[in-house]
C-alpha atoms as a PDB file:
ATOM      1  CA  MET A   1      18.589 -29.469 -64.392  1.00  0.00           C
ATOM      2  CA  LEU A   2      14.837 -30.202 -64.165  1.00  0.00           C
ATOM      3  CA  TYR A   3      14.375 -29.994 -67.765  1.00  0.00           C
ATOM      4  CA  VAL A   4      17.150 -32.433 -68.436  1.00  0.00           C
ATOM      5  CA  ALA A   5      15.789 -34.885 -65.898  1.00  0.00           C
ATOM      6  CA  LYS A   6      12.252 -34.766 -67.188  1.00  0.00           C
ATOM      7  CA  ASN A   7      13.025 -34.695 -70.896  1.00  0.00           C
ATOM      8  CA  ALA A   8      15.503 -37.539 -70.631  1.00  0.00           C
ATOM      9  CA  HIS A   9      13.085 -39.499 -68.380  1.00  0.00           C
ATOM     10  CA  GLY A  10      10.212 -38.999 -70.902  1.00  0.00           C
ATOM     11  CA  ALA A  11      12.499 -40.057 -73.738  1.00  0.00           C
ATOM     12  CA  LEU A  12      13.765 -43.228 -72.288  1.00  0.00           C
ATOM     13  CA  ARG A  13      10.131 -44.169 -71.434  1.00  0.00           C
ATOM     14  CA  GLU A  14       8.828 -43.306 -75.044  1.00  0.00           C
ATOM     15  CA  LEU A  15      11.892 -45.097 -76.637  1.00  0.00           C
ATOM     16  CA  HIS A  16      11.183 -48.322 -74.525  1.00  0.00           C
ATOM     17  CA  SER A  17      14.695 -48.299 -73.406  1.00  0.00           C
ATOM     18  CA  PRO A  18      15.789 -51.259 -71.194  1.00  0.00           C
ATOM     19  CA  ILE A  19      17.374 -48.698 -69.324  1.00  0.00           C
ATOM     20  CA  ARG A  20      14.963 -47.610 -66.507  1.00  0.00           C
ATOM     21  CA  LEU A  21      16.277 -44.426 -64.741  1.00  0.00           C
ATOM     22  CA  SER A  22      14.178 -42.279 -62.333  1.00  0.00           C
ATOM     23  CA  GLU A  23      14.348 -38.484 -62.571  1.00  0.00           C
ATOM     24  CA  SER A  24      16.201 -38.319 -59.324  1.00  0.00           C
ATOM     25  CA  TYR A  25      19.002 -40.646 -60.716  1.00  0.00           C
ATOM     26  CA  ILE A  26      19.225 -38.705 -63.964  1.00  0.00           C
ATOM     27  CA  LEU A  27      19.721 -35.416 -61.902  1.00  0.00           C
ATOM     28  CA  LEU A  28      22.738 -37.204 -60.222  1.00  0.00           C
ATOM     29  CA  LEU A  29      24.200 -38.477 -63.546  1.00  0.00           C
ATOM     30  CA  GLN A  30      24.151 -34.921 -64.804  1.00  0.00           C
ATOM     31  CA  LEU A  31      26.983 -34.098 -62.277  1.00  0.00           C
ATOM     32  CA  LEU A  32      29.441 -36.303 -64.350  1.00  0.00           C
ATOM     33  CA  LEU A  33      29.387 -33.586 -67.039  1.00  0.00           C
ATOM     34  CA  VAL A  34      28.350 -30.468 -65.084  1.00  0.00           C
ATOM     35  CA  ILE A  35      30.896 -30.390 -62.429  1.00  0.00           C
ATOM     36  CA  PRO A  36      34.105 -30.559 -64.723  1.00  0.00           C
ATOM     37  CA  MET A  37      32.455 -27.912 -67.043  1.00  0.00           C
ATOM     38  CA  ALA A  38      31.553 -25.868 -64.051  1.00  0.00           C
ATOM     39  CA  TRP A  39      35.218 -25.475 -63.450  1.00  0.00           C
ATOM     40  CA  ILE A  40      35.933 -23.691 -66.790  1.00  0.00           C
ATOM     41  CA  ARG A  41      37.199 -20.194 -66.056  1.00  0.00           C
ATOM     42  CA  HIS A  42      36.736 -18.320 -69.383  1.00  0.00           C
ATOM     43  CA  LEU A  43      33.420 -17.641 -71.165  1.00  0.00           C
ATOM     44  CA  GLU A  44      34.829 -18.193 -74.856  1.00  0.00           C
ATOM     45  CA  TYR A  45      35.510 -21.887 -73.865  1.00  0.00           C
ATOM     46  CA  PHE A  46      31.718 -22.442 -73.910  1.00  0.00           C
ATOM     47  CA  LYS A  47      31.394 -21.337 -77.601  1.00  0.00           C
ATOM     48  CA  VAL A  48      31.235 -24.763 -78.967  1.00  0.00           C
ATOM     49  CA  SER A  49      28.869 -26.428 -76.478  1.00  0.00           C
ATOM     50  CA  ASN A  50      26.659 -23.210 -76.446  1.00  0.00           C
ATOM     51  CA  LEU A  51      26.521 -23.461 -80.336  1.00  0.00           C
ATOM     52  CA  ILE A  52      25.547 -27.267 -79.936  1.00  0.00           C
ATOM     53  CA  ALA A  53      22.960 -26.499 -77.342  1.00  0.00           C
ATOM     54  CA  ASN A  54      21.209 -23.348 -79.052  1.00  0.00           C
ATOM     55  CA  GLY A  55      21.296 -25.198 -82.375  1.00  0.00           C
ATOM     56  CA  THR A  56      19.603 -28.094 -80.912  1.00  0.00           C
ATOM     57  CA  VAL A  57      17.057 -25.919 -79.113  1.00  0.00           C
ATOM     58  CA  LEU A  58      16.123 -23.945 -82.158  1.00  0.00           C
ATOM     59  CA  VAL A  59      15.442 -27.097 -84.051  1.00  0.00           C
ATOM     60  CA  ALA A  60      13.408 -28.589 -81.302  1.00  0.00           C
ATOM     61  CA  LEU A  61      11.513 -25.348 -81.077  1.00  0.00           C
ATOM     62  CA  ALA A  62      10.744 -25.241 -84.923  1.00  0.00           C
ATOM     63  CA  ILE A  63       9.482 -28.740 -84.561  1.00  0.00           C
ATOM     64  CA  LEU A  64       7.261 -28.123 -81.655  1.00  0.00           C
ATOM     65  CA  LEU A  65       5.863 -24.851 -83.187  1.00  0.00           C
ATOM     66  CA  GLY A  66       5.321 -27.016 -86.354  1.00  0.00           C
ATOM     67  CA  TYR A  67       3.222 -29.574 -84.435  1.00  0.00           C
ATOM     68  CA  ALA A  68       1.377 -26.968 -82.813  1.00  0.00           C
ATOM     69  CA  VAL A  69       0.580 -25.039 -85.986  1.00  0.00           C
ATOM     70  CA  ARG A  70      -0.469 -28.463 -87.727  1.00  0.00           C
ATOM     71  CA  GLY A  71      -2.568 -29.198 -84.810  1.00  0.00           C
ATOM     72  CA  LEU A  72      -4.295 -25.905 -85.199  1.00  0.00           C
ATOM     73  CA  SER A  73      -4.904 -26.188 -88.929  1.00  0.00           C
ATOM     74  CA  LEU A  74      -6.469 -29.864 -88.487  1.00  0.00           C
ATOM     75  CA  HIS A  75      -8.567 -29.337 -85.191  1.00  0.00           C
ATOM     76  CA  GLY A  76      -8.666 -25.669 -84.513  1.00  0.00           C
ATOM     77  CA  PRO A  77      -8.069 -23.890 -81.259  1.00  0.00           C
ATOM     78  CA  SER A  78      -8.642 -25.710 -77.998  1.00  0.00           C
ATOM     79  CA  GLU A  79     -12.049 -25.161 -76.470  1.00  0.00           C
ATOM     80  CA  ASP A  80     -10.920 -24.732 -72.945  1.00  0.00           C
ATOM     81  CA  LEU A  81      -8.737 -21.517 -73.366  1.00  0.00           C
ATOM     82  CA  VAL A  82      -8.927 -18.981 -70.560  1.00  0.00           C
ATOM     83  CA  SER A  83      -7.436 -15.455 -70.498  1.00  0.00           C
ATOM     84  CA  PHE A  84      -6.935 -15.531 -66.709  1.00  0.00           C
ATOM     85  CA  GLY A  85      -6.920 -18.750 -65.055  1.00  0.00           C
ATOM     86  CA  PRO A  86      -6.834 -19.222 -61.282  1.00  0.00           C
ATOM     87  CA  SER A  87      -3.143 -19.727 -61.466  1.00  0.00           C
ATOM     88  CA  TRP A  88      -2.175 -16.637 -63.594  1.00  0.00           C
ATOM     89  CA  LEU A  89      -0.014 -15.122 -60.976  1.00  0.00           C
ATOM     90  CA  VAL A  90       2.045 -18.307 -60.969  1.00  0.00           C
ATOM     91  CA  PHE A  91       2.293 -17.795 -64.809  1.00  0.00           C
ATOM     92  CA  ALA A  92       3.427 -14.151 -64.254  1.00  0.00           C
ATOM     93  CA  GLY A  93       6.260 -15.541 -62.058  1.00  0.00           C
ATOM     94  CA  THR A  94       7.163 -18.081 -64.568  1.00  0.00           C
ATOM     95  CA  SER A  95       7.105 -15.534 -67.453  1.00  0.00           C
ATOM     96  CA  VAL A  96       9.637 -13.263 -65.480  1.00  0.00           C
ATOM     97  CA  PHE A  97      11.911 -16.327 -65.168  1.00  0.00           C
ATOM     98  CA  SER A  98      12.840 -15.454 -68.929  1.00  0.00           C
ATOM     99  CA  PHE A  99      15.153 -12.937 -67.394  1.00  0.00           C
ATOM    100  CA  GLU A 100      17.238 -15.621 -65.724  1.00  0.00           C
ATOM    101  CA  CYS A 101      20.312 -14.933 -67.901  1.00  0.00           C
ATOM    102  CA  ILE A 102      20.083 -11.073 -67.819  1.00  0.00           C
ATOM    103  CA  ASN A 103      23.234 -11.190 -65.675  1.00  0.00           C
ATOM    104  CA  PHE A 104      25.129 -12.282 -68.604  1.00  0.00           C
ATOM    105  CA  VAL A 105      24.959  -8.899 -69.999  1.00  0.00           C
ATOM    106  CA  ILE A 106      28.086  -7.481 -68.114  1.00  0.00           C
ATOM    107  CA  PRO A 107      30.321 -10.607 -68.714  1.00  0.00           C
ATOM    108  CA  MET A 108      29.272 -10.529 -72.489  1.00  0.00           C
ATOM    109  CA  TYR A 109      29.970  -6.649 -72.614  1.00  0.00           C
ATOM    110  CA  GLU A 110      33.517  -7.259 -71.094  1.00  0.00           C
ATOM    111  CA  ALA A 111      34.145 -10.199 -73.606  1.00  0.00           C
ATOM    112  CA  HIS A 112      33.105  -8.234 -76.551  1.00  0.00           C
ATOM    113  CA  GLU A 113      35.730  -6.894 -78.739  1.00  0.00           C
ATOM    114  CA  LYS A 114      33.899  -3.861 -80.401  1.00  0.00           C
ATOM    115  CA  LYS A 115      32.106  -2.248 -77.547  1.00  0.00           C
ATOM    116  CA  GLU A 116      30.118   0.261 -79.781  1.00  0.00           C
ATOM    117  CA  THR A 117      28.434  -2.602 -81.504  1.00  0.00           C
ATOM    118  CA  PHE A 118      27.208  -4.167 -78.203  1.00  0.00           C
ATOM    119  CA  VAL A 119      23.921  -2.284 -77.513  1.00  0.00           C
ATOM    120  CA  PRO A 120      22.589  -2.518 -80.969  1.00  0.00           C
ATOM    121  CA  ILE A 121      23.287  -6.239 -81.210  1.00  0.00           C
ATOM    122  CA  LEU A 122      21.830  -6.628 -77.454  1.00  0.00           C
ATOM    123  CA  SER A 123      18.669  -4.695 -78.194  1.00  0.00           C
ATOM    124  CA  VAL A 124      17.987  -6.626 -81.591  1.00  0.00           C
ATOM    125  CA  THR A 125      18.582 -10.058 -79.977  1.00  0.00           C
ATOM    126  CA  LEU A 126      16.348  -9.161 -76.912  1.00  0.00           C
ATOM    127  CA  VAL A 127      13.369  -8.154 -79.024  1.00  0.00           C
ATOM    128  CA  GLY A 128      13.912 -11.253 -81.204  1.00  0.00           C
ATOM    129  CA  VAL A 129      13.851 -13.454 -78.053  1.00  0.00           C
ATOM    130  CA  MET A 130      10.709 -11.655 -76.788  1.00  0.00           C
ATOM    131  CA  LEU A 131       8.889 -12.278 -79.863  1.00  0.00           C
ATOM    132  CA  LEU A 132       9.919 -15.924 -79.871  1.00  0.00           C
ATOM    133  CA  PHE A 133       8.572 -16.309 -76.358  1.00  0.00           C
ATOM    134  CA  ILE A 134       5.241 -14.691 -77.197  1.00  0.00           C
ATOM    135  CA  VAL A 135       4.695 -16.572 -80.539  1.00  0.00           C
ATOM    136  CA  PHE A 136       5.865 -19.900 -79.224  1.00  0.00           C
ATOM    137  CA  GLY A 137       4.006 -19.801 -75.998  1.00  0.00           C
ATOM    138  CA  SER A 138       0.731 -18.380 -77.476  1.00  0.00           C
ATOM    139  CA  VAL A 139       0.637 -20.859 -80.387  1.00  0.00           C
ATOM    140  CA  ASN A 140       1.241 -23.886 -78.178  1.00  0.00           C
ATOM    141  CA  TYR A 141      -1.207 -22.808 -75.590  1.00  0.00           C
ATOM    142  CA  ILE A 142      -4.028 -22.127 -78.153  1.00  0.00           C
ATOM    143  CA  CYS A 143      -3.478 -25.574 -79.611  1.00  0.00           C
ATOM    144  CA  TYR A 144      -3.231 -27.645 -76.381  1.00  0.00           C
ATOM    145  CA  GLY A 145      -5.294 -25.472 -73.888  1.00  0.00           C
ATOM    146  CA  GLU A 146      -5.417 -27.254 -70.500  1.00  0.00           C
ATOM    147  CA  ARG A 147      -3.477 -30.257 -71.925  1.00  0.00           C
ATOM    148  CA  THR A 148      -0.331 -28.081 -72.344  1.00  0.00           C
ATOM    149  CA  ARG A 149       2.385 -29.943 -70.118  1.00  0.00           C
ATOM    150  CA  PRO A 150       4.846 -27.940 -67.941  1.00  0.00           C
ATOM    151  CA  VAL A 151       7.697 -29.401 -70.144  1.00  0.00           C
ATOM    152  CA  VAL A 152       6.045 -28.712 -73.521  1.00  0.00           C
ATOM    153  CA  THR A 153       8.156 -31.400 -75.492  1.00  0.00           C
ATOM    154  CA  LEU A 154       6.083 -33.951 -73.723  1.00  0.00           C
ATOM    155  CA  ASN A 155       3.057 -32.640 -75.676  1.00  0.00           C
ATOM    156  CA  LEU A 156       4.519 -34.404 -78.955  1.00  0.00           C
ATOM    157  CA  PRO A 157       2.586 -37.424 -79.903  1.00  0.00           C
ATOM    158  CA  PRO A 158       4.415 -40.187 -78.014  1.00  0.00           C
ATOM    159  CA  ALA A 159       3.845 -42.732 -80.880  1.00  0.00           C
ATOM    160  CA  SER A 160       5.729 -40.536 -83.449  1.00  0.00           C
ATOM    161  CA  THR A 161       9.394 -40.739 -83.962  1.00  0.00           C
ATOM    162  CA  LEU A 162       9.879 -37.000 -83.213  1.00  0.00           C
ATOM    163  CA  GLY A 163       7.776 -37.409 -80.084  1.00  0.00           C
ATOM    164  CA  LYS A 164      10.336 -39.934 -78.924  1.00  0.00           C
ATOM    165  CA  ILE A 165      13.669 -38.340 -79.923  1.00  0.00           C
ATOM    166  CA  ILE A 166      12.942 -34.547 -79.479  1.00  0.00           C
ATOM    167  CA  PRO A 167      12.742 -34.729 -75.635  1.00  0.00           C
ATOM    168  CA  PHE A 168      16.089 -36.654 -75.587  1.00  0.00           C
ATOM    169  CA  PHE A 169      17.892 -33.898 -77.667  1.00  0.00           C
ATOM    170  CA  PHE A 170      16.136 -31.123 -75.653  1.00  0.00           C
ATOM    171  CA  ALA A 171      17.588 -32.851 -72.572  1.00  0.00           C
ATOM    172  CA  LEU A 172      21.128 -32.900 -74.062  1.00  0.00           C
ATOM    173  CA  ALA A 173      20.773 -29.281 -75.216  1.00  0.00           C
ATOM    174  CA  SER A 174      19.690 -28.308 -71.470  1.00  0.00           C
ATOM    175  CA  LEU A 175      22.578 -30.264 -70.105  1.00  0.00           C
ATOM    176  CA  LEU A 176      25.075 -28.518 -72.004  1.00  0.00           C
ATOM    177  CA  ASN A 177      23.748 -25.014 -70.793  1.00  0.00           C
ATOM    178  CA  VAL A 178      23.735 -25.835 -67.154  1.00  0.00           C
ATOM    179  CA  PRO A 179      27.405 -24.931 -66.525  1.00  0.00           C
ATOM    180  CA  LEU A 180      27.111 -21.951 -68.681  1.00  0.00           C
ATOM    181  CA  PHE A 181      24.142 -20.667 -66.559  1.00  0.00           C
ATOM    182  CA  LEU A 182      26.281 -21.127 -63.318  1.00  0.00           C
ATOM    183  CA  PHE A 183      29.172 -19.166 -64.737  1.00  0.00           C
ATOM    184  CA  PRO A 184      27.985 -15.376 -63.929  1.00  0.00           C
ATOM    185  CA  ALA A 185      27.251 -16.516 -60.177  1.00  0.00           C
ATOM    186  CA  SER A 186      30.498 -18.243 -59.986  1.00  0.00           C
ATOM    187  CA  ILE A 187      32.746 -15.513 -61.187  1.00  0.00           C
ATOM    188  CA  THR A 188      30.874 -13.008 -59.122  1.00  0.00           C
ATOM    189  CA  LEU A 189      31.176 -14.837 -55.910  1.00  0.00           C
ATOM    190  CA  GLU A 190      34.890 -15.585 -56.569  1.00  0.00           C
ATOM    191  CA  SER A 191      35.620 -11.962 -57.296  1.00  0.00           C
ATOM    192  CA  ARG A 192      34.277 -11.196 -53.820  1.00  0.00           C
ATOM    193  CA  LEU A 193      35.877 -14.105 -51.859  1.00  0.00           C
ATOM    194  CA  PHE A 194      39.232 -14.829 -53.564  1.00  0.00           C
ATOM    195  CA  ASP A 195      40.575 -11.859 -55.659  1.00  0.00           C
ATOM    196  CA  ALA A 196      42.606 -10.565 -52.621  1.00  0.00           C
ATOM    197  CA  ALA A 197      44.229 -13.972 -52.124  1.00  0.00           C
ATOM    198  CA  PRO A 198      47.697 -14.559 -54.156  1.00  0.00           C
ATOM    199  CA  ARG A 199      47.463 -16.966 -56.951  1.00  0.00           C
ATOM    200  CA  SER A 200      48.112 -20.547 -55.830  1.00  0.00           C
ATOM    201  CA  THR A 201      46.935 -24.102 -56.253  1.00  0.00           C
ATOM    202  CA  ALA A 202      45.262 -23.757 -52.944  1.00  0.00           C
ATOM    203  CA  ARG A 203      43.176 -20.681 -54.248  1.00  0.00           C
ATOM    204  CA  LYS A 204      42.439 -22.620 -57.487  1.00  0.00           C
ATOM    205  CA  TRP A 205      40.919 -25.554 -55.515  1.00  0.00           C
ATOM    206  CA  LYS A 206      39.079 -23.281 -53.263  1.00  0.00           C
ATOM    207  CA  LYS A 207      37.366 -21.819 -56.266  1.00  0.00           C
ATOM    208  CA  ASN A 208      36.577 -25.189 -57.713  1.00  0.00           C
ATOM    209  CA  SER A 209      35.196 -26.123 -54.326  1.00  0.00           C
ATOM    210  CA  LEU A 210      32.937 -23.202 -54.426  1.00  0.00           C
ATOM    211  CA  ARG A 211      31.671 -24.177 -57.939  1.00  0.00           C
ATOM    212  CA  LEU A 212      31.219 -27.653 -56.827  1.00  0.00           C
ATOM    213  CA  ALA A 213      29.101 -26.475 -53.852  1.00  0.00           C
ATOM    214  CA  LEU A 214      26.885 -24.338 -56.343  1.00  0.00           C
ATOM    215  CA  VAL A 215      26.310 -27.191 -58.507  1.00  0.00           C
ATOM    216  CA  LEU A 216      25.202 -29.406 -55.523  1.00  0.00           C
ATOM    217  CA  PHE A 217      23.147 -26.633 -54.209  1.00  0.00           C
ATOM    218  CA  CYS A 218      21.157 -26.358 -57.605  1.00  0.00           C
ATOM    219  CA  THR A 219      20.807 -30.067 -57.745  1.00  0.00           C
ATOM    220  CA  LEU A 220      19.203 -30.102 -54.446  1.00  0.00           C
ATOM    221  CA  LEU A 221      16.790 -27.509 -55.272  1.00  0.00           C
ATOM    222  CA  ALA A 222      15.951 -29.254 -58.647  1.00  0.00           C
ATOM    223  CA  TRP A 223      15.311 -32.577 -56.610  1.00  0.00           C
ATOM    224  CA  ALA A 224      13.256 -30.645 -54.095  1.00  0.00           C
ATOM    225  CA  GLY A 225      11.016 -28.942 -57.012  1.00  0.00           C
ATOM    226  CA  ALA A 226      10.685 -32.059 -59.326  1.00  0.00           C
ATOM    227  CA  ARG A 227       7.115 -32.788 -58.408  1.00  0.00           C
ATOM    228  CA  GLN A 228       6.012 -29.123 -58.611  1.00  0.00           C
ATOM    229  CA  ILE A 229       8.052 -27.816 -61.582  1.00  0.00           C
ATOM    230  CA  GLU A 230       5.470 -25.032 -62.537  1.00  0.00           C
ATOM    231  CA  ALA A 231       5.497 -23.718 -58.895  1.00  0.00           C
ATOM    232  CA  MET A 232       9.273 -24.143 -58.621  1.00  0.00           C
ATOM    233  CA  VAL A 233       9.967 -22.080 -61.820  1.00  0.00           C
ATOM    234  CA  ALA A 234       7.527 -19.318 -60.622  1.00  0.00           C
ATOM    235  CA  MET A 235       9.067 -19.322 -57.284  1.00  0.00           C
ATOM    236  CA  ILE A 236      12.602 -18.721 -58.809  1.00  0.00           C
ATOM    237  CA  GLY A 237      11.195 -16.134 -61.094  1.00  0.00           C
ATOM    238  CA  SER A 238       9.507 -14.454 -58.342  1.00  0.00           C
ATOM    239  CA  LEU A 239      12.259 -14.309 -55.868  1.00  0.00           C
ATOM    240  CA  CYS A 240      15.307 -14.130 -58.164  1.00  0.00           C
ATOM    241  CA  CYS A 241      14.290 -12.685 -61.403  1.00  0.00           C
ATOM    242  CA  VAL A 242      11.600  -9.915 -60.529  1.00  0.00           C
ATOM    243  CA  PRO A 243      14.411  -8.011 -58.784  1.00  0.00           C
ATOM    244  CA  LEU A 244      16.752  -8.481 -61.481  1.00  0.00           C
ATOM    245  CA  ALA A 245      14.338  -7.317 -64.163  1.00  0.00           C
ATOM    246  CA  PHE A 246      12.688  -4.474 -62.180  1.00  0.00           C
ATOM    247  CA  ILE A 247      14.019  -3.456 -58.958  1.00  0.00           C
ATOM    248  CA  TYR A 248      17.742  -3.593 -59.276  1.00  0.00           C
ATOM    249  CA  PRO A 249      18.160  -1.873 -62.529  1.00  0.00           C
ATOM    250  CA  SER A 250      15.726   1.083 -61.459  1.00  0.00           C
ATOM    251  CA  VAL A 251      17.871   1.513 -58.264  1.00  0.00           C
ATOM    252  CA  CYS A 252      21.111   1.406 -60.003  1.00  0.00           C
ATOM    253  CA  HIS A 253      19.980   3.828 -62.678  1.00  0.00           C
ATOM    254  CA  ALA A 254      18.582   6.271 -60.132  1.00  0.00           C
ATOM    255  CA  GLN A 255      22.018   5.986 -57.864  1.00  0.00           C
ATOM    256  CA  LEU A 256      24.590   5.908 -60.824  1.00  0.00           C
ATOM    257  CA  CYS A 257      23.050   8.075 -63.618  1.00  0.00           C
ATOM    258  CA  LYS A 258      21.452  10.816 -61.265  1.00  0.00           C
ATOM    259  CA  PRO A 259      18.334  11.292 -63.677  1.00  0.00           C
ATOM    260  CA  GLY A 260      16.189  14.195 -63.888  1.00  0.00           C
ATOM    261  CA  PRO A 261      12.781  14.419 -62.152  1.00  0.00           C
ATOM    262  CA  ILE A 262      10.854  12.611 -64.945  1.00  0.00           C
ATOM    263  CA  ALA A 263      13.376   9.845 -65.343  1.00  0.00           C
ATOM    264  CA  LEU A 264      13.666   9.480 -61.641  1.00  0.00           C
ATOM    265  CA  LEU A 265       9.879   9.050 -61.349  1.00  0.00           C
ATOM    266  CA  GLY A 266       9.890   6.283 -64.093  1.00  0.00           C
ATOM    267  CA  ASP A 267      12.622   4.676 -61.878  1.00  0.00           C
ATOM    268  CA  CYS A 268      10.337   4.686 -58.953  1.00  0.00           C
ATOM    269  CA  LEU A 269       7.202   3.501 -60.767  1.00  0.00           C
ATOM    270  CA  ILE A 270       9.187   0.723 -62.294  1.00  0.00           C
ATOM    271  CA  CYS A 271      10.750  -0.333 -58.858  1.00  0.00           C
ATOM    272  CA  MET A 272       7.219  -0.056 -57.153  1.00  0.00           C
ATOM    273  CA  PHE A 273       5.770  -2.251 -59.821  1.00  0.00           C
ATOM    274  CA  GLY A 274       8.664  -4.822 -59.317  1.00  0.00           C
ATOM    275  CA  ALA A 275       7.992  -4.876 -55.432  1.00  0.00           C
ATOM    276  CA  ILE A 276       4.144  -5.659 -56.057  1.00  0.00           C
ATOM    277  CA  LEU A 277       4.971  -8.285 -58.369  1.00  0.00           C
ATOM    278  CA  PHE A 278       7.599  -9.621 -56.343  1.00  0.00           C
ATOM    279  CA  VAL A 279       5.158 -10.094 -53.380  1.00  0.00           C
ATOM    280  CA  ALA A 280       2.103 -11.207 -55.222  1.00  0.00           C
ATOM    281  CA  THR A 281       3.983 -13.907 -57.550  1.00  0.00           C
ATOM    282  CA  THR A 282       5.853 -15.257 -54.623  1.00  0.00           C
ATOM    283  CA  VAL A 283       2.782 -15.757 -52.509  1.00  0.00           C
ATOM    284  CA  ALA A 284       1.021 -17.468 -55.471  1.00  0.00           C
ATOM    285  CA  ALA A 285       3.864 -19.794 -56.108  1.00  0.00           C
ATOM    286  CA  LEU A 286       4.109 -20.816 -52.393  1.00  0.00           C
ATOM    287  CA  GLN A 287       0.363 -21.597 -52.478  1.00  0.00           C
ATOM    288  CA  GLU A 288       1.021 -24.094 -55.491  1.00  0.00           C
ATOM    289  CA  PHE A 289       3.440 -26.203 -53.155  1.00  0.00           C
END
């Protein structure tokens, strides 16, 4: 929701639009679309919006990468590159934020028709996404150095046509993904709170109210972190994604699979690494506020 607000705000400014909307106002306007879409009950209904969003993001990423490669070919690497800056732990928390959608694996597996093909597809996809993150982040940072913006679409030349429209399309793609990202949390909470209740109109609107509360909570968090987006993303990555990536899987594997001594040692080491990363990145993110 923050990316939507910042990209849309930047796009309106660069397009010299007569419409002047603050980032906070854009956050509130998102609710007109996000709230009705958040009430969707079945994952397959997101296919069209997800296809539009992913296609838009891929085109935007290709253009951003093209600009960075062109900048490197014309001007060479930035002169102010550092391997480990003073905020590298904040970067670590931000990097772990890449695991934000790992909780989609179980809903996707349940919706997948040919279960035997799920693991190969998931593995290849994750490797591809990992390579995309590494290449895209590295090339842009090598090109812009300390000038790299937290929302990298704003690094595009503001006078260019693409610099004016890409942030707008990136905002649209992010907006379409907001309800989808809320879906796993919604169905998980609903299964705990409402599955025992008989089907009724009252039960349906209790679920809708829960989803509305989740949307409003996320909006409040986005508003609170608007001025410190890097620290905000790092904080969410530290508090939420580090356990999802390292701690919970290790504990679940040790409890459910009853591994041998070597595999159990591996689970313990990964869990310890996650705990250290959890504390270190959370403290670093808090210091940035």
